[in-house]
Amino acid sequence: QYTDLTCSKIFKRNHPESCKPRAYLLHCPHFSRILSLSSEKRKSAIRLSLCYNAVGEKDRALDMVKTMPEGPQWLNYYRFTLERDVGQLSQASETLLKIPTDYFQDPEELEAAVDFAKNRQDLVLLRHLVKKD
């Protein structure tokens, strides 16, 4: 069972550096299973998104996240990181504004979000992120 391992760990452990990431997706333990799921079970597409992200295909990872219904706040944070990394900066700002301030219990996630807001010089987003109750 591969369910407890991320695709990046599997990929790094089982493939030489010369292996093409796209070719790996054809052998990903989650790839065919997720693609065959019925539409009501598409929530499992997050695993495929993580696989795409692990092999550097962030745009495809983001596409998978966008097909999913609204989910927990960690999924919104993950979406933000993908949008930021593929250069969809306006969408990344909008996604961060949807995340409640109390979500940011992890100092590294908060720091990354604040740094993003500072780099964008987005005062509305910055105020949202550092808002004190």
C-alpha atoms as a PDB file:
ATOM      1  CA  GLN A   1       0.000   0.000   0.000  1.00  0.00           C
ATOM      2  CA  TYR A   2       1.325   3.436  -0.986  1.00  0.00           C
ATOM      3  CA  THR A   3      -1.357   5.466   0.731  1.00  0.00           C
ATOM      4  CA  ASP A   4       0.917   6.720   3.504  1.00  0.00           C
ATOM      5  CA  LEU A   5       3.779   7.744   1.221  1.00  0.00           C
ATOM      6  CA  THR A   6       3.868  10.856  -0.859  1.00  0.00           C
ATOM      7  CA  CYS A   7       4.614  10.497  -4.527  1.00  0.00           C
ATOM      8  CA  SER A   8       7.728  12.615  -4.164  1.00  0.00           C
ATOM      9  CA  LYS A   9       9.221  10.155  -1.681  1.00  0.00           C
ATOM     10  CA  ILE A  10       8.354   7.250  -3.942  1.00  0.00           C
ATOM     11  CA  PHE A  11       9.742   9.053  -6.963  1.00  0.00           C
ATOM     12  CA  LYS A  12      13.028  10.035  -5.325  1.00  0.00           C
ATOM     13  CA  ARG A  13      13.540   6.612  -3.797  1.00  0.00           C
ATOM     14  CA  ASN A  14      12.781   4.568  -6.898  1.00  0.00           C
ATOM     15  CA  HIS A  15      13.979   6.598  -9.849  1.00  0.00           C
ATOM     16  CA  PRO A  16      17.385   7.797 -11.008  1.00  0.00           C
ATOM     17  CA  GLU A  17      17.884  11.500 -11.619  1.00  0.00           C
ATOM     18  CA  SER A  18      17.723  10.851 -15.356  1.00  0.00           C
ATOM     19  CA  CYS A  19      14.132   9.581 -15.094  1.00  0.00           C
ATOM     20  CA  LYS A  20      11.593  11.911 -16.666  1.00  0.00           C
ATOM     21  CA  PRO A  21       8.947  13.076 -14.156  1.00  0.00           C
ATOM     22  CA  ARG A  22       6.164  12.953 -16.737  1.00  0.00           C
ATOM     23  CA  ALA A  23       6.956   9.296 -17.446  1.00  0.00           C
ATOM     24  CA  TYR A  24       6.742   8.598 -13.726  1.00  0.00           C
ATOM     25  CA  LEU A  25       3.151   9.789 -13.595  1.00  0.00           C
ATOM     26  CA  LEU A  26       2.166   6.917 -15.851  1.00  0.00           C
ATOM     27  CA  HIS A  27       3.410   4.561 -13.140  1.00  0.00           C
ATOM     28  CA  CYS A  28       2.247   6.595 -10.141  1.00  0.00           C
ATOM     29  CA  PRO A  29       0.381   4.308  -7.725  1.00  0.00           C
ATOM     30  CA  HIS A  30      -2.472   6.828  -7.488  1.00  0.00           C
ATOM     31  CA  PHE A  31      -2.671   8.034 -11.096  1.00  0.00           C
ATOM     32  CA  SER A  32      -4.868   5.427 -12.777  1.00  0.00           C
ATOM     33  CA  ARG A  33      -7.001   4.830  -9.688  1.00  0.00           C
ATOM     34  CA  ILE A  34      -7.813   8.528  -9.321  1.00  0.00           C
ATOM     35  CA  LEU A  35      -8.560   8.996 -13.003  1.00  0.00           C
ATOM     36  CA  SER A  36     -11.044   6.122 -12.871  1.00  0.00           C
ATOM     37  CA  LEU A  37     -13.009   7.470  -9.899  1.00  0.00           C
ATOM     38  CA  SER A  38     -16.591   8.544 -10.377  1.00  0.00           C
ATOM     39  CA  SER A  39     -17.322  12.252 -10.180  1.00  0.00           C
ATOM     40  CA  GLU A  40     -18.645  12.135  -6.601  1.00  0.00           C
ATOM     41  CA  LYS A  41     -15.322  10.679  -5.483  1.00  0.00           C
ATOM     42  CA  ARG A  42     -13.182  13.256  -7.293  1.00  0.00           C
ATOM     43  CA  LYS A  43     -12.158  14.715  -3.946  1.00  0.00           C
ATOM     44  CA  SER A  44      -9.421  12.122  -4.031  1.00  0.00           C
ATOM     45  CA  ALA A  45      -7.933  14.159  -6.866  1.00  0.00           C
ATOM     46  CA  ILE A  46      -5.889  15.912  -4.194  1.00  0.00           C
ATOM     47  CA  ARG A  47      -3.543  12.937  -4.278  1.00  0.00           C
ATOM     48  CA  LEU A  48      -3.042  13.338  -7.988  1.00  0.00           C
ATOM     49  CA  SER A  49      -2.455  17.042  -7.445  1.00  0.00           C
ATOM     50  CA  LEU A  50       0.212  16.211  -4.876  1.00  0.00           C
ATOM     51  CA  CYS A  51       1.829  13.825  -7.357  1.00  0.00           C
ATOM     52  CA  TYR A  52       1.909  16.490 -10.078  1.00  0.00           C
ATOM     53  CA  ASN A  53       3.329  18.957  -7.558  1.00  0.00           C
ATOM     54  CA  ALA A  54       5.980  16.462  -6.434  1.00  0.00           C
ATOM     55  CA  VAL A  55       7.292  16.051  -9.968  1.00  0.00           C
ATOM     56  CA  GLY A  56       7.263  19.801 -10.628  1.00  0.00           C
ATOM     57  CA  GLU A  57       4.093  20.105 -12.712  1.00  0.00           C
ATOM     58  CA  LYS A  58       2.532  22.782 -10.540  1.00  0.00           C
ATOM     59  CA  ASP A  59       0.195  24.045 -13.251  1.00  0.00           C
ATOM     60  CA  ARG A  60      -1.373  20.586 -13.590  1.00  0.00           C
ATOM     61  CA  ALA A  61      -1.483  20.250  -9.797  1.00  0.00           C
ATOM     62  CA  LEU A  62      -3.397  23.534  -9.645  1.00  0.00           C
ATOM     63  CA  ASP A  63      -5.790  22.367 -12.359  1.00  0.00           C
ATOM     64  CA  MET A  64      -6.634  19.332 -10.224  1.00  0.00           C
ATOM     65  CA  VAL A  65      -7.267  21.501  -7.145  1.00  0.00           C
ATOM     66  CA  LYS A  66      -9.554  23.783  -9.152  1.00  0.00           C
ATOM     67  CA  THR A  67     -11.767  20.798 -10.064  1.00  0.00           C
ATOM     68  CA  MET A  68     -12.455  20.090  -6.421  1.00  0.00           C
ATOM     69  CA  PRO A  69     -15.327  21.519  -4.402  1.00  0.00           C
ATOM     70  CA  GLU A  70     -14.598  23.858  -1.506  1.00  0.00           C
ATOM     71  CA  GLY A  71     -12.686  22.023   1.144  1.00  0.00           C
ATOM     72  CA  PRO A  72     -10.793  22.581   4.369  1.00  0.00           C
ATOM     73  CA  GLN A  73      -8.603  25.644   4.844  1.00  0.00           C
ATOM     74  CA  TRP A  74      -5.379  23.693   4.356  1.00  0.00           C
ATOM     75  CA  LEU A  75      -6.584  23.013   0.815  1.00  0.00           C
ATOM     76  CA  ASN A  76      -6.991  26.759   0.254  1.00  0.00           C
ATOM     77  CA  TYR A  77      -3.456  27.308   1.545  1.00  0.00           C
ATOM     78  CA  TYR A  78      -2.167  24.590  -0.787  1.00  0.00           C
ATOM     79  CA  ARG A  79      -4.053  26.265  -3.644  1.00  0.00           C
ATOM     80  CA  PHE A  80      -2.439  29.596  -2.721  1.00  0.00           C
ATOM     81  CA  THR A  81       1.048  28.064  -2.892  1.00  0.00           C
ATOM     82  CA  LEU A  82       0.340  26.592  -6.314  1.00  0.00           C
ATOM     83  CA  GLU A  83      -1.136  29.835  -7.662  1.00  0.00           C
ATOM     84  CA  ARG A  84       1.858  31.749  -6.324  1.00  0.00           C
ATOM     85  CA  ASP A  85       4.340  29.282  -7.782  1.00  0.00           C
ATOM     86  CA  VAL A  86       2.804  29.286 -11.272  1.00  0.00           C
ATOM     87  CA  GLY A  87       2.612  33.080 -11.333  1.00  0.00           C
ATOM     88  CA  GLN A  88      -1.133  33.561 -10.849  1.00  0.00           C
ATOM     89  CA  LEU A  89      -0.485  36.254  -8.272  1.00  0.00           C
ATOM     90  CA  SER A  90      -3.890  37.967  -8.297  1.00  0.00           C
ATOM     91  CA  GLN A  91      -5.641  34.635  -7.781  1.00  0.00           C
ATOM     92  CA  ALA A  92      -3.158  33.764  -5.023  1.00  0.00           C
ATOM     93  CA  SER A  93      -4.062  37.008  -3.228  1.00  0.00           C
ATOM     94  CA  GLU A  94      -7.780  36.266  -3.561  1.00  0.00           C
ATOM     95  CA  THR A  95      -7.277  32.760  -2.215  1.00  0.00           C
ATOM     96  CA  LEU A  96      -5.344  34.036   0.815  1.00  0.00           C
ATOM     97  CA  LEU A  97      -8.134  36.509   1.578  1.00  0.00           C
ATOM     98  CA  LYS A  98     -10.546  33.567   1.836  1.00  0.00           C
ATOM     99  CA  ILE A  99      -8.476  31.913   4.569  1.00  0.00           C
ATOM    100  CA  PRO A 100      -9.467  32.972   8.090  1.00  0.00           C
ATOM    101  CA  THR A 101      -6.665  34.533  10.104  1.00  0.00           C
ATOM    102  CA  ASP A 102      -6.960  31.898  12.836  1.00  0.00           C
ATOM    103  CA  TYR A 103      -5.963  29.187  10.331  1.00  0.00           C
ATOM    104  CA  PHE A 104      -2.342  30.342  10.480  1.00  0.00           C
ATOM    105  CA  GLN A 105      -1.096  28.367  13.486  1.00  0.00           C
ATOM    106  CA  ASP A 106       2.045  27.290  11.606  1.00  0.00           C
ATOM    107  CA  PRO A 107       4.546  30.182  11.769  1.00  0.00           C
ATOM    108  CA  GLU A 108       6.192  29.156   8.475  1.00  0.00           C
ATOM    109  CA  GLU A 109       2.894  29.275   6.596  1.00  0.00           C
ATOM    110  CA  LEU A 110       2.058  32.656   8.090  1.00  0.00           C
ATOM    111  CA  GLU A 111       5.525  33.963   7.256  1.00  0.00           C
ATOM    112  CA  ALA A 112       5.208  32.783   3.644  1.00  0.00           C
ATOM    113  CA  ALA A 113       1.793  34.438   3.330  1.00  0.00           C
ATOM    114  CA  VAL A 114       2.995  37.711   4.891  1.00  0.00           C
ATOM    115  CA  ASP A 115       6.102  37.748   2.691  1.00  0.00           C
ATOM    116  CA  PHE A 116       3.874  37.253  -0.349  1.00  0.00           C
ATOM    117  CA  ALA A 117       1.650  40.174   0.715  1.00  0.00           C
ATOM    118  CA  LYS A 118       4.697  42.388   1.346  1.00  0.00           C
ATOM    119  CA  ASN A 119       6.246  41.533  -2.021  1.00  0.00           C
ATOM    120  CA  ARG A 120       2.961  42.364  -3.736  1.00  0.00           C
ATOM    121  CA  GLN A 121       2.615  45.516  -1.613  1.00  0.00           C
ATOM    122  CA  ASP A 122      -0.934  44.370  -0.913  1.00  0.00           C
ATOM    123  CA  LEU A 123      -1.995  46.290   2.201  1.00  0.00           C
ATOM    124  CA  VAL A 124      -5.474  44.751   2.295  1.00  0.00           C
ATOM    125  CA  LEU A 125      -4.018  41.262   2.329  1.00  0.00           C
ATOM    126  CA  LEU A 126      -1.329  42.218   4.827  1.00  0.00           C
ATOM    127  CA  ARG A 127      -3.935  43.670   7.208  1.00  0.00           C
ATOM    128  CA  HIS A 128      -6.010  40.507   6.835  1.00  0.00           C
ATOM    129  CA  LEU A 129      -3.059  38.268   7.675  1.00  0.00           C
ATOM    130  CA  VAL A 130      -1.832  40.184  10.718  1.00  0.00           C
ATOM    131  CA  LYS A 131      -5.292  41.036  12.056  1.00  0.00           C
ATOM    132  CA  LYS A 132      -5.546  40.603  15.818  1.00  0.00           C
ATOM    133  CA  ASP A 133      -8.823  39.596  17.399  1.00  0.00           C
END
